[in-house]
Full PDB file with SEQRES, HELIX, SHEET, SSBOND, CRYST1, ORIGX, SCALE, CONECT and MASTER records, all heavy atoms in Angstrom:
SEQRES   1 A   34  PRO ILE GLU PHE ASN LEU THR LEU LEU THR HIS PRO GLU          
SEQRES   2 A   34  TYR LEU SER MET THR VAL MET PRO GLN GLU LEU LYS LYS          
SEQRES   3 A   34  ARG ILE GLU LYS ARG TRP ILE GLU                              
HELIX    1 AA1 GLU A   13  LEU A   15  5                                   3    
HELIX    2 AA2 MET A   17  VAL A   19  5                                   3    
HELIX    3 AA3 GLN A   22  ILE A   33  1                                  12    
CRYST1    1.000    1.000    1.000  90.00  90.00  90.00 P 1           1          
ORIGX1      1.000000  0.000000  0.000000        0.00000                         
ORIGX2      0.000000  1.000000  0.000000        0.00000                         
ORIGX3      0.000000  0.000000  1.000000        0.00000                         
SCALE1      1.000000  0.000000  0.000000        0.00000                         
SCALE2      0.000000  1.000000  0.000000        0.00000                         
SCALE3      0.000000  0.000000  1.000000        0.00000                         
ATOM      1  N   PRO A   1      -0.814 123.930 141.458  1.00  0.00           N  
ATOM      2  CA  PRO A   1       0.420 123.150 141.345  1.00  0.00           C  
ATOM      3  C   PRO A   1       0.944 122.888 139.955  1.00  0.00           C  
ATOM      4  O   PRO A   1       2.167 122.834 139.749  1.00  0.00           O  
ATOM      5  CB  PRO A   1       0.047 121.815 142.039  1.00  0.00           C  
ATOM      6  CG  PRO A   1      -1.040 122.208 143.014  1.00  0.00           C  
ATOM      7  CD  PRO A   1      -1.771 123.293 142.335  1.00  0.00           C  
ATOM      8  N   ILE A   2       0.057 122.770 138.939  1.00  0.00           N  
ATOM      9  CA  ILE A   2       0.578 122.462 137.593  1.00  0.00           C  
ATOM     10  C   ILE A   2       0.513 123.622 136.659  1.00  0.00           C  
ATOM     11  O   ILE A   2       0.726 123.457 135.451  1.00  0.00           O  
ATOM     12  CB  ILE A   2      -0.152 121.236 137.019  1.00  0.00           C  
ATOM     13  CG1 ILE A   2      -1.631 121.528 136.844  1.00  0.00           C  
ATOM     14  CG2 ILE A   2       0.102 119.990 137.850  1.00  0.00           C  
ATOM     15  CD1 ILE A   2      -2.352 120.419 136.039  1.00  0.00           C  
ATOM     16  N   GLU A   3       0.184 124.823 137.125  1.00  0.00           N  
ATOM     17  CA  GLU A   3       0.082 125.996 136.292  1.00  0.00           C  
ATOM     18  C   GLU A   3       1.438 126.712 136.193  1.00  0.00           C  
ATOM     19  O   GLU A   3       1.659 127.749 136.816  1.00  0.00           O  
ATOM     20  CB  GLU A   3      -0.999 126.934 136.772  1.00  0.00           C  
ATOM     21  CG  GLU A   3      -2.424 126.396 136.648  1.00  0.00           C  
ATOM     22  CD  GLU A   3      -2.896 126.355 135.195  1.00  0.00           C  
ATOM     23  OE1 GLU A   3      -2.142 126.597 134.283  1.00  0.00           O  
ATOM     24  OE2 GLU A   3      -4.090 126.081 134.964  1.00  0.00           O  
ATOM     25  N   PHE A   4       2.322 126.097 135.430  1.00  0.00           N  
ATOM     26  CA  PHE A   4       3.636 126.755 135.238  1.00  0.00           C  
ATOM     27  C   PHE A   4       4.206 126.215 133.912  1.00  0.00           C  
ATOM     28  O   PHE A   4       3.811 125.198 133.370  1.00  0.00           O  
ATOM     29  CB  PHE A   4       4.556 126.396 136.399  1.00  0.00           C  
ATOM     30  CG  PHE A   4       5.030 124.956 136.473  1.00  0.00           C  
ATOM     31  CD1 PHE A   4       6.150 124.496 135.824  1.00  0.00           C  
ATOM     32  CD2 PHE A   4       4.286 124.086 137.250  1.00  0.00           C  
ATOM     33  CE1 PHE A   4       6.549 123.157 135.916  1.00  0.00           C  
ATOM     34  CE2 PHE A   4       4.676 122.753 137.371  1.00  0.00           C  
ATOM     35  CZ  PHE A   4       5.779 122.307 136.742  1.00  0.00           C  
ATOM     36  N   ASN A   5       5.071 127.063 133.357  1.00  0.00           N  
ATOM     37  CA  ASN A   5       5.800 126.747 132.173  1.00  0.00           C  
ATOM     38  C   ASN A   5       7.253 127.129 132.342  1.00  0.00           C  
ATOM     39  O   ASN A   5       7.556 128.210 132.866  1.00  0.00           O  
ATOM     40  CB  ASN A   5       5.238 127.445 130.934  1.00  0.00           C  
ATOM     41  CG  ASN A   5       5.893 126.990 129.649  1.00  0.00           C  
ATOM     42  OD1 ASN A   5       5.971 125.804 129.367  1.00  0.00           O  
ATOM     43  ND2 ASN A   5       6.377 127.934 128.879  1.00  0.00           N  
ATOM     44  N   LEU A   6       8.163 126.229 131.979  1.00  0.00           N  
ATOM     45  CA  LEU A   6       9.545 126.460 132.188  1.00  0.00           C  
ATOM     46  C   LEU A   6      10.259 126.681 130.830  1.00  0.00           C  
ATOM     47  O   LEU A   6      10.085 125.930 129.899  1.00  0.00           O  
ATOM     48  CB  LEU A   6      10.243 125.284 132.876  1.00  0.00           C  
ATOM     49  CG  LEU A   6       9.623 124.819 134.211  1.00  0.00           C  
ATOM     50  CD1 LEU A   6      10.329 123.603 134.730  1.00  0.00           C  
ATOM     51  CD2 LEU A   6       9.669 125.939 135.245  1.00  0.00           C  
ATOM     52  N   THR A   7      11.000 127.755 130.790  1.00  0.00           N  
ATOM     53  CA  THR A   7      11.867 128.077 129.612  1.00  0.00           C  
ATOM     54  C   THR A   7      13.302 127.916 130.033  1.00  0.00           C  
ATOM     55  O   THR A   7      13.717 128.484 131.090  1.00  0.00           O  
ATOM     56  CB  THR A   7      11.614 129.489 129.076  1.00  0.00           C  
ATOM     57  OG1 THR A   7      10.284 129.606 128.657  1.00  0.00           O  
ATOM     58  CG2 THR A   7      12.521 129.782 127.888  1.00  0.00           C  
ATOM     59  N   LEU A   8      14.072 127.147 129.329  1.00  0.00           N  
ATOM     60  CA  LEU A   8      15.462 126.910 129.672  1.00  0.00           C  
ATOM     61  C   LEU A   8      16.321 128.015 129.052  1.00  0.00           C  
ATOM     62  O   LEU A   8      16.277 128.214 127.798  1.00  0.00           O  
ATOM     63  CB  LEU A   8      15.899 125.554 129.151  1.00  0.00           C  
ATOM     64  CG  LEU A   8      15.008 124.329 129.654  1.00  0.00           C  
ATOM     65  CD1 LEU A   8      15.571 123.035 129.039  1.00  0.00           C  
ATOM     66  CD2 LEU A   8      15.014 124.267 131.168  1.00  0.00           C  
ATOM     67  N   LEU A   9      17.038 128.765 129.835  1.00  0.00           N  
ATOM     68  CA  LEU A   9      17.926 129.751 129.315  1.00  0.00           C  
ATOM     69  C   LEU A   9      19.125 129.069 128.637  1.00  0.00           C  
ATOM     70  O   LEU A   9      19.850 128.313 129.273  1.00  0.00           O  
ATOM     71  CB  LEU A   9      18.414 130.669 130.468  1.00  0.00           C  
ATOM     72  CG  LEU A   9      19.222 131.879 130.032  1.00  0.00           C  
ATOM     73  CD1 LEU A   9      19.024 133.035 131.005  1.00  0.00           C  
ATOM     74  CD2 LEU A   9      20.721 131.594 129.903  1.00  0.00           C  
ATOM     75  N   THR A  10      19.243 129.330 127.362  1.00  0.00           N  
ATOM     76  CA  THR A  10      20.304 128.764 126.560  1.00  0.00           C  
ATOM     77  C   THR A  10      21.301 129.833 126.091  1.00  0.00           C  
ATOM     78  O   THR A  10      22.380 129.489 125.621  1.00  0.00           O  
ATOM     79  CB  THR A  10      19.780 127.951 125.353  1.00  0.00           C  
ATOM     80  OG1 THR A  10      19.009 128.856 124.532  1.00  0.00           O  
ATOM     81  CG2 THR A  10      18.863 126.805 125.827  1.00  0.00           C  
ATOM     82  N   HIS A  11      20.844 131.049 126.126  1.00  0.00           N  
ATOM     83  CA  HIS A  11      21.715 132.166 125.641  1.00  0.00           C  
ATOM     84  C   HIS A  11      21.488 133.391 126.556  1.00  0.00           C  
ATOM     85  O   HIS A  11      20.382 133.729 126.919  1.00  0.00           O  
ATOM     86  CB  HIS A  11      21.292 132.563 124.228  1.00  0.00           C  
ATOM     87  CG  HIS A  11      22.148 133.629 123.642  1.00  0.00           C  
ATOM     88  ND1 HIS A  11      23.374 133.380 123.055  1.00  0.00           N  
ATOM     89  CD2 HIS A  11      21.948 134.966 123.557  1.00  0.00           C  
ATOM     90  CE1 HIS A  11      23.885 134.517 122.645  1.00  0.00           C  
ATOM     91  NE2 HIS A  11      23.038 135.519 122.912  1.00  0.00           N  
ATOM     92  N   PRO A  12      22.567 134.028 126.980  1.00  0.00           N  
ATOM     93  CA  PRO A  12      23.976 133.662 126.759  1.00  0.00           C  
ATOM     94  C   PRO A  12      24.349 132.354 127.552  1.00  0.00           C  
ATOM     95  O   PRO A  12      23.855 132.170 128.633  1.00  0.00           O  
ATOM     96  CB  PRO A  12      24.758 134.823 127.233  1.00  0.00           C  
ATOM     97  CG  PRO A  12      23.876 135.462 128.284  1.00  0.00           C  
ATOM     98  CD  PRO A  12      22.472 135.260 127.799  1.00  0.00           C  
ATOM     99  N   GLU A  13      25.236 131.582 126.932  1.00  0.00           N  
ATOM    100  CA  GLU A  13      25.583 130.254 127.474  1.00  0.00           C  
ATOM    101  C   GLU A  13      26.150 130.328 128.836  1.00  0.00           C  
ATOM    102  O   GLU A  13      25.969 129.454 129.678  1.00  0.00           O  
ATOM    103  CB  GLU A  13      26.525 129.544 126.572  1.00  0.00           C  
ATOM    104  CG  GLU A  13      25.837 128.913 125.349  1.00  0.00           C  
ATOM    105  CD  GLU A  13      26.837 128.031 124.567  1.00  0.00           C  
ATOM    106  OE1 GLU A  13      27.965 128.466 124.319  1.00  0.00           O  
ATOM    107  OE2 GLU A  13      26.435 126.934 124.173  1.00  0.00           O  
ATOM    108  N   TYR A  14      26.875 131.443 129.186  1.00  0.00           N  
ATOM    109  CA  TYR A  14      27.553 131.509 130.511  1.00  0.00           C  
ATOM    110  C   TYR A  14      26.539 131.662 131.681  1.00  0.00           C  
ATOM    111  O   TYR A  14      26.936 131.562 132.828  1.00  0.00           O  
ATOM    112  CB  TYR A  14      28.571 132.610 130.542  1.00  0.00           C  
ATOM    113  CG  TYR A  14      28.053 134.003 130.339  1.00  0.00           C  
ATOM    114  CD1 TYR A  14      27.502 134.727 131.375  1.00  0.00           C  
ATOM    115  CD2 TYR A  14      28.094 134.615 129.083  1.00  0.00           C  
ATOM    116  CE1 TYR A  14      26.999 136.000 131.217  1.00  0.00           C  
ATOM    117  CE2 TYR A  14      27.594 135.900 128.869  1.00  0.00           C  
ATOM    118  CZ  TYR A  14      27.069 136.578 129.954  1.00  0.00           C  
ATOM    119  OH  TYR A  14      26.551 137.827 129.815  1.00  0.00           O  
ATOM    120  N   LEU A  15      25.290 131.873 131.331  1.00  0.00           N  
ATOM    121  CA  LEU A  15      24.227 131.913 132.366  1.00  0.00           C  
ATOM    122  C   LEU A  15      23.379 130.701 132.402  1.00  0.00           C  
ATOM    123  O   LEU A  15      22.398 130.613 133.139  1.00  0.00           O  
ATOM    124  CB  LEU A  15      23.298 133.182 132.140  1.00  0.00           C  
ATOM    125  CG  LEU A  15      23.967 134.532 132.335  1.00  0.00           C  
ATOM    126  CD1 LEU A  15      22.942 135.656 132.189  1.00  0.00           C  
ATOM    127  CD2 LEU A  15      24.610 134.661 133.693  1.00  0.00           C  
ATOM    128  N   SER A  16      23.656 129.704 131.572  1.00  0.00           N  
ATOM    129  CA  SER A  16      22.876 128.490 131.511  1.00  0.00           C  
ATOM    130  C   SER A  16      23.325 127.491 132.606  1.00  0.00           C  
ATOM    131  O   SER A  16      24.404 127.565 133.157  1.00  0.00           O  
ATOM    132  CB  SER A  16      22.949 127.816 130.153  1.00  0.00           C  
ATOM    133  OG  SER A  16      24.083 127.016 130.028  1.00  0.00           O  
ATOM    134  N   MET A  17      22.410 126.573 132.869  1.00  0.00           N  
ATOM    135  CA  MET A  17      22.692 125.549 133.860  1.00  0.00           C  
ATOM    136  C   MET A  17      23.901 124.673 133.517  1.00  0.00           C  
ATOM    137  O   MET A  17      24.554 124.088 134.387  1.00  0.00           O  
ATOM    138  CB  MET A  17      21.502 124.623 134.083  1.00  0.00           C  
ATOM    139  CG  MET A  17      20.272 125.265 134.602  1.00  0.00           C  
ATOM    140  SD  MET A  17      18.992 124.065 134.852  1.00  0.00           S  
ATOM    141  CE  MET A  17      18.589 123.568 133.153  1.00  0.00           C  
ATOM    142  N   THR A  18      24.177 124.556 132.230  1.00  0.00           N  
ATOM    143  CA  THR A  18      25.253 123.670 131.765  1.00  0.00           C  
ATOM    144  C   THR A  18      26.644 124.111 132.205  1.00  0.00           C  
ATOM    145  O   THR A  18      27.602 123.337 132.137  1.00  0.00           O  
ATOM    146  CB  THR A  18      25.262 123.550 130.250  1.00  0.00           C  
ATOM    147  OG1 THR A  18      25.425 124.849 129.665  1.00  0.00           O  
ATOM    148  CG2 THR A  18      23.897 122.952 129.772  1.00  0.00           C  
ATOM    149  N   VAL A  19      26.785 125.352 132.678  1.00  0.00           N  
ATOM    150  CA  VAL A  19      28.046 125.876 133.146  1.00  0.00           C  
ATOM    151  C   VAL A  19      28.437 125.305 134.530  1.00  0.00           C  
ATOM    152  O   VAL A  19      29.609 125.213 134.865  1.00  0.00           O  
ATOM    153  CB  VAL A  19      27.984 127.391 133.214  1.00  0.00           C  
ATOM    154  CG1 VAL A  19      29.251 127.997 133.883  1.00  0.00           C  
ATOM    155  CG2 VAL A  19      27.783 127.985 131.848  1.00  0.00           C  
ATOM    156  N   MET A  20      27.491 124.823 135.273  1.00  0.00           N  
ATOM    157  CA  MET A  20      27.707 124.383 136.639  1.00  0.00           C  
ATOM    158  C   MET A  20      28.585 123.125 136.731  1.00  0.00           C  
ATOM    159  O   MET A  20      28.493 122.230 135.863  1.00  0.00           O  
ATOM    160  CB  MET A  20      26.389 124.108 137.332  1.00  0.00           C  
ATOM    161  CG  MET A  20      25.561 125.353 137.641  1.00  0.00           C  
ATOM    162  SD  MET A  20      24.063 124.976 138.505  1.00  0.00           S  
ATOM    163  CE  MET A  20      23.458 126.561 138.957  1.00  0.00           C  
ATOM    164  N   PRO A  21      29.466 123.065 137.742  1.00  0.00           N  
ATOM    165  CA  PRO A  21      30.221 121.839 137.943  1.00  0.00           C  
ATOM    166  C   PRO A  21      29.263 120.673 138.341  1.00  0.00           C  
ATOM    167  O   PRO A  21      28.164 120.844 138.792  1.00  0.00           O  
ATOM    168  CB  PRO A  21      31.152 122.220 139.073  1.00  0.00           C  
ATOM    169  CG  PRO A  21      30.446 123.329 139.804  1.00  0.00           C  
ATOM    170  CD  PRO A  21      29.737 124.121 138.771  1.00  0.00           C  
ATOM    171  N   GLN A  22      29.830 119.522 138.229  1.00  0.00           N  
ATOM    172  CA  GLN A  22      29.062 118.265 138.402  1.00  0.00           C  
ATOM    173  C   GLN A  22      28.339 118.192 139.784  1.00  0.00           C  
ATOM    174  O   GLN A  22      27.235 117.761 139.851  1.00  0.00           O  
ATOM    175  CB  GLN A  22      29.911 117.045 138.183  1.00  0.00           C  
ATOM    176  CG  GLN A  22      29.156 115.764 138.041  1.00  0.00           C  
ATOM    177  CD  GLN A  22      30.017 114.569 137.673  1.00  0.00           C  
ATOM    178  OE1 GLN A  22      30.934 114.193 138.420  1.00  0.00           O  
ATOM    179  NE2 GLN A  22      29.835 114.027 136.521  1.00  0.00           N  
ATOM    180  N   GLU A  23      29.047 118.552 140.798  1.00  0.00           N  
ATOM    181  CA  GLU A  23      28.470 118.388 142.141  1.00  0.00           C  
ATOM    182  C   GLU A  23      27.253 119.295 142.343  1.00  0.00           C  
ATOM    183  O   GLU A  23      26.275 118.918 142.999  1.00  0.00           O  
ATOM    184  CB  GLU A  23      29.497 118.666 143.262  1.00  0.00           C  
ATOM    185  CG  GLU A  23      30.049 120.071 143.258  1.00  0.00           C  
ATOM    186  CD  GLU A  23      31.150 120.211 144.289  1.00  0.00           C  
ATOM    187  OE1 GLU A  23      30.826 120.446 145.464  1.00  0.00           O  
ATOM    188  OE2 GLU A  23      32.369 120.123 143.903  1.00  0.00           O  
ATOM    189  N   LEU A  24      27.242 120.499 141.736  1.00  0.00           N  
ATOM    190  CA  LEU A  24      26.066 121.368 141.789  1.00  0.00           C  
ATOM    191  C   LEU A  24      24.946 120.758 140.925  1.00  0.00           C  
ATOM    192  O   LEU A  24      23.763 120.849 141.309  1.00  0.00           O  
ATOM    193  CB  LEU A  24      26.392 122.774 141.369  1.00  0.00           C  
ATOM    194  CG  LEU A  24      26.832 123.741 142.440  1.00  0.00           C  
ATOM    195  CD1 LEU A  24      27.211 125.065 141.810  1.00  0.00           C  
ATOM    196  CD2 LEU A  24      25.774 123.922 143.518  1.00  0.00           C  
ATOM    197  N   LYS A  25      25.274 120.215 139.769  1.00  0.00           N  
ATOM    198  CA  LYS A  25      24.270 119.579 138.948  1.00  0.00           C  
ATOM    199  C   LYS A  25      23.595 118.440 139.648  1.00  0.00           C  
ATOM    200  O   LYS A  25      22.353 118.231 139.549  1.00  0.00           O  
ATOM    201  CB  LYS A  25      24.885 119.071 137.648  1.00  0.00           C  
ATOM    202  CG  LYS A  25      25.261 120.201 136.666  1.00  0.00           C  
ATOM    203  CD  LYS A  25      25.800 119.618 135.364  1.00  0.00           C  
ATOM    204  CE  LYS A  25      26.102 120.679 134.363  1.00  0.00           C  
ATOM    205  NZ  LYS A  25      26.666 120.185 133.044  1.00  0.00           N  
ATOM    206  N   LYS A  26      24.312 117.670 140.421  1.00  0.00           N  
ATOM    207  CA  LYS A  26      23.738 116.548 141.197  1.00  0.00           C  
ATOM    208  C   LYS A  26      22.752 117.095 142.247  1.00  0.00           C  
ATOM    209  O   LYS A  26      21.682 116.473 142.437  1.00  0.00           O  
ATOM    210  CB  LYS A  26      24.812 115.745 141.858  1.00  0.00           C  
ATOM    211  CG  LYS A  26      25.651 114.894 140.945  1.00  0.00           C  
ATOM    212  CD  LYS A  26      26.723 114.124 141.655  1.00  0.00           C  
ATOM    213  CE  LYS A  26      27.479 113.228 140.679  1.00  0.00           C  
ATOM    214  NZ  LYS A  26      28.614 112.481 141.406  1.00  0.00           N  
ATOM    215  N   ARG A  27      23.060 118.227 142.919  1.00  0.00           N  
ATOM    216  CA  ARG A  27      22.131 118.805 143.879  1.00  0.00           C  
ATOM    217  C   ARG A  27      20.860 119.276 143.205  1.00  0.00           C  
ATOM    218  O   ARG A  27      19.786 119.065 143.734  1.00  0.00           O  
ATOM    219  CB  ARG A  27      22.792 119.989 144.587  1.00  0.00           C  
ATOM    220  CG  ARG A  27      23.889 119.628 145.581  1.00  0.00           C  
ATOM    221  CD  ARG A  27      24.494 120.864 146.213  1.00  0.00           C  
ATOM    222  NE  ARG A  27      23.469 121.630 146.958  1.00  0.00           N  
ATOM    223  CZ  ARG A  27      23.728 122.856 147.435  1.00  0.00           C  
ATOM    224  NH1 ARG A  27      24.892 123.433 147.242  1.00  0.00           N  
ATOM    225  NH2 ARG A  27      22.792 123.541 148.063  1.00  0.00           N  
ATOM    226  N   ILE A  28      21.023 119.893 142.032  1.00  0.00           N  
ATOM    227  CA  ILE A  28      19.847 120.360 141.301  1.00  0.00           C  
ATOM    228  C   ILE A  28      18.974 119.214 140.871  1.00  0.00           C  
ATOM    229  O   ILE A  28      17.733 119.225 140.970  1.00  0.00           O  
ATOM    230  CB  ILE A  28      20.328 121.198 140.075  1.00  0.00           C  
ATOM    231  CG1 ILE A  28      20.961 122.489 140.519  1.00  0.00           C  
ATOM    232  CG2 ILE A  28      19.161 121.442 139.129  1.00  0.00           C  
ATOM    233  CD1 ILE A  28      21.742 123.181 139.442  1.00  0.00           C  
ATOM    234  N   GLU A  29      19.558 118.166 140.341  1.00  0.00           N  
ATOM    235  CA  GLU A  29      18.824 117.001 139.907  1.00  0.00           C  
ATOM    236  C   GLU A  29      18.040 116.396 141.023  1.00  0.00           C  
ATOM    237  O   GLU A  29      16.820 116.102 140.903  1.00  0.00           O  
ATOM    238  CB  GLU A  29      19.781 115.917 139.334  1.00  0.00           C  
ATOM    239  CG  GLU A  29      19.034 114.686 138.791  1.00  0.00           C  
ATOM    240  CD  GLU A  29      19.995 113.699 138.126  1.00  0.00           C  
ATOM    241  OE1 GLU A  29      20.973 113.334 138.781  1.00  0.00           O  
ATOM    242  OE2 GLU A  29      19.752 113.279 137.004  1.00  0.00           O  
ATOM    243  N   LYS A  30      18.605 116.246 142.157  1.00  0.00           N  
ATOM    244  CA  LYS A  30      17.936 115.745 143.371  1.00  0.00           C  
ATOM    245  C   LYS A  30      16.724 116.617 143.758  1.00  0.00           C  
ATOM    246  O   LYS A  30      15.670 116.069 144.072  1.00  0.00           O  
ATOM    247  CB  LYS A  30      18.907 115.596 144.559  1.00  0.00           C  
ATOM    248  CG  LYS A  30      18.331 114.931 145.784  1.00  0.00           C  
ATOM    249  CD  LYS A  30      19.499 114.742 146.830  1.00  0.00           C  
ATOM    250  CE  LYS A  30      18.916 114.062 148.083  1.00  0.00           C  
ATOM    251  NZ  LYS A  30      18.000 114.894 148.831  1.00  0.00           N  
ATOM    252  N   ARG A  31      16.998 117.921 143.761  1.00  0.00           N  
ATOM    253  CA  ARG A  31      15.920 118.872 144.172  1.00  0.00           C  
ATOM    254  C   ARG A  31      14.719 118.762 143.232  1.00  0.00           C  
ATOM    255  O   ARG A  31      13.566 118.775 143.690  1.00  0.00           O  
ATOM    256  CB  ARG A  31      16.507 120.266 144.142  1.00  0.00           C  
ATOM    257  CG  ARG A  31      15.550 121.344 144.603  1.00  0.00           C  
ATOM    258  CD  ARG A  31      15.277 121.285 146.070  1.00  0.00           C  
ATOM    259  NE  ARG A  31      16.423 121.406 146.890  1.00  0.00           N  
ATOM    260  CZ  ARG A  31      16.979 122.600 147.252  1.00  0.00           C  
ATOM    261  NH1 ARG A  31      16.445 123.746 146.882  1.00  0.00           N  
ATOM    262  NH2 ARG A  31      18.064 122.580 148.073  1.00  0.00           N  
ATOM    263  N   TRP A  32      14.942 118.633 141.909  1.00  0.00           N  
ATOM    264  CA  TRP A  32      13.802 118.585 140.961  1.00  0.00           C  
ATOM    265  C   TRP A  32      13.086 117.250 141.010  1.00  0.00           C  
ATOM    266  O   TRP A  32      11.839 117.238 140.792  1.00  0.00           O  
ATOM    267  CB  TRP A  32      14.305 118.919 139.566  1.00  0.00           C  
ATOM    268  CG  TRP A  32      14.493 120.377 139.372  1.00  0.00           C  
ATOM    269  CD1 TRP A  32      15.644 121.091 139.602  1.00  0.00           C  
ATOM    270  CD2 TRP A  32      13.562 121.316 138.921  1.00  0.00           C  
ATOM    271  NE1 TRP A  32      15.451 122.423 139.294  1.00  0.00           N  
ATOM    272  CE2 TRP A  32      14.177 122.614 138.853  1.00  0.00           C  
ATOM    273  CE3 TRP A  32      12.218 121.223 138.529  1.00  0.00           C  
ATOM    274  CZ2 TRP A  32      13.487 123.759 138.483  1.00  0.00           C  
ATOM    275  CZ3 TRP A  32      11.553 122.411 138.096  1.00  0.00           C  
ATOM    276  CH2 TRP A  32      12.190 123.594 138.093  1.00  0.00           C  
ATOM    277  N   ILE A  33      13.785 116.167 141.217  1.00  0.00           N  
ATOM    278  CA  ILE A  33      13.094 114.873 141.343  1.00  0.00           C  
ATOM    279  C   ILE A  33      12.205 114.884 142.543  1.00  0.00           C  
ATOM    280  O   ILE A  33      11.084 114.418 142.517  1.00  0.00           O  
ATOM    281  CB  ILE A  33      14.145 113.764 141.428  1.00  0.00           C  
ATOM    282  CG1 ILE A  33      14.834 113.621 140.054  1.00  0.00           C  
ATOM    283  CG2 ILE A  33      13.493 112.413 141.816  1.00  0.00           C  
ATOM    284  CD1 ILE A  33      15.990 112.667 140.038  1.00  0.00           C  
ATOM    285  N   GLU A  34      12.703 115.394 143.680  1.00  0.00           N  
ATOM    286  CA  GLU A  34      11.850 115.544 144.878  1.00  0.00           C  
ATOM    287  C   GLU A  34      10.698 116.450 144.683  1.00  0.00           C  
ATOM    288  O   GLU A  34       9.608 116.179 145.152  1.00  0.00           O  
ATOM    289  CB  GLU A  34      12.727 116.064 146.059  1.00  0.00           C  
ATOM    290  CG  GLU A  34      13.798 115.076 146.502  1.00  0.00           C  
ATOM    291  CD  GLU A  34      14.765 115.668 147.488  1.00  0.00           C  
ATOM    292  OE1 GLU A  34      14.731 116.895 147.709  1.00  0.00           O  
ATOM    293  OE2 GLU A  34      15.532 114.930 148.147  1.00  0.00           O  
TER     294      GLU A  34                                                      
MASTER        0    0    0    3    0    0    0    6  293    1    0    3          
END                                                                             
């Protein structure tokens, strides 16, 4: 369960999570907290 490492894609920016609209970001946040 804890054997993982996450790298956040920051480049190219158009493929990063920050591009998503707010409603999708809220779904993602809920999924990861759960």
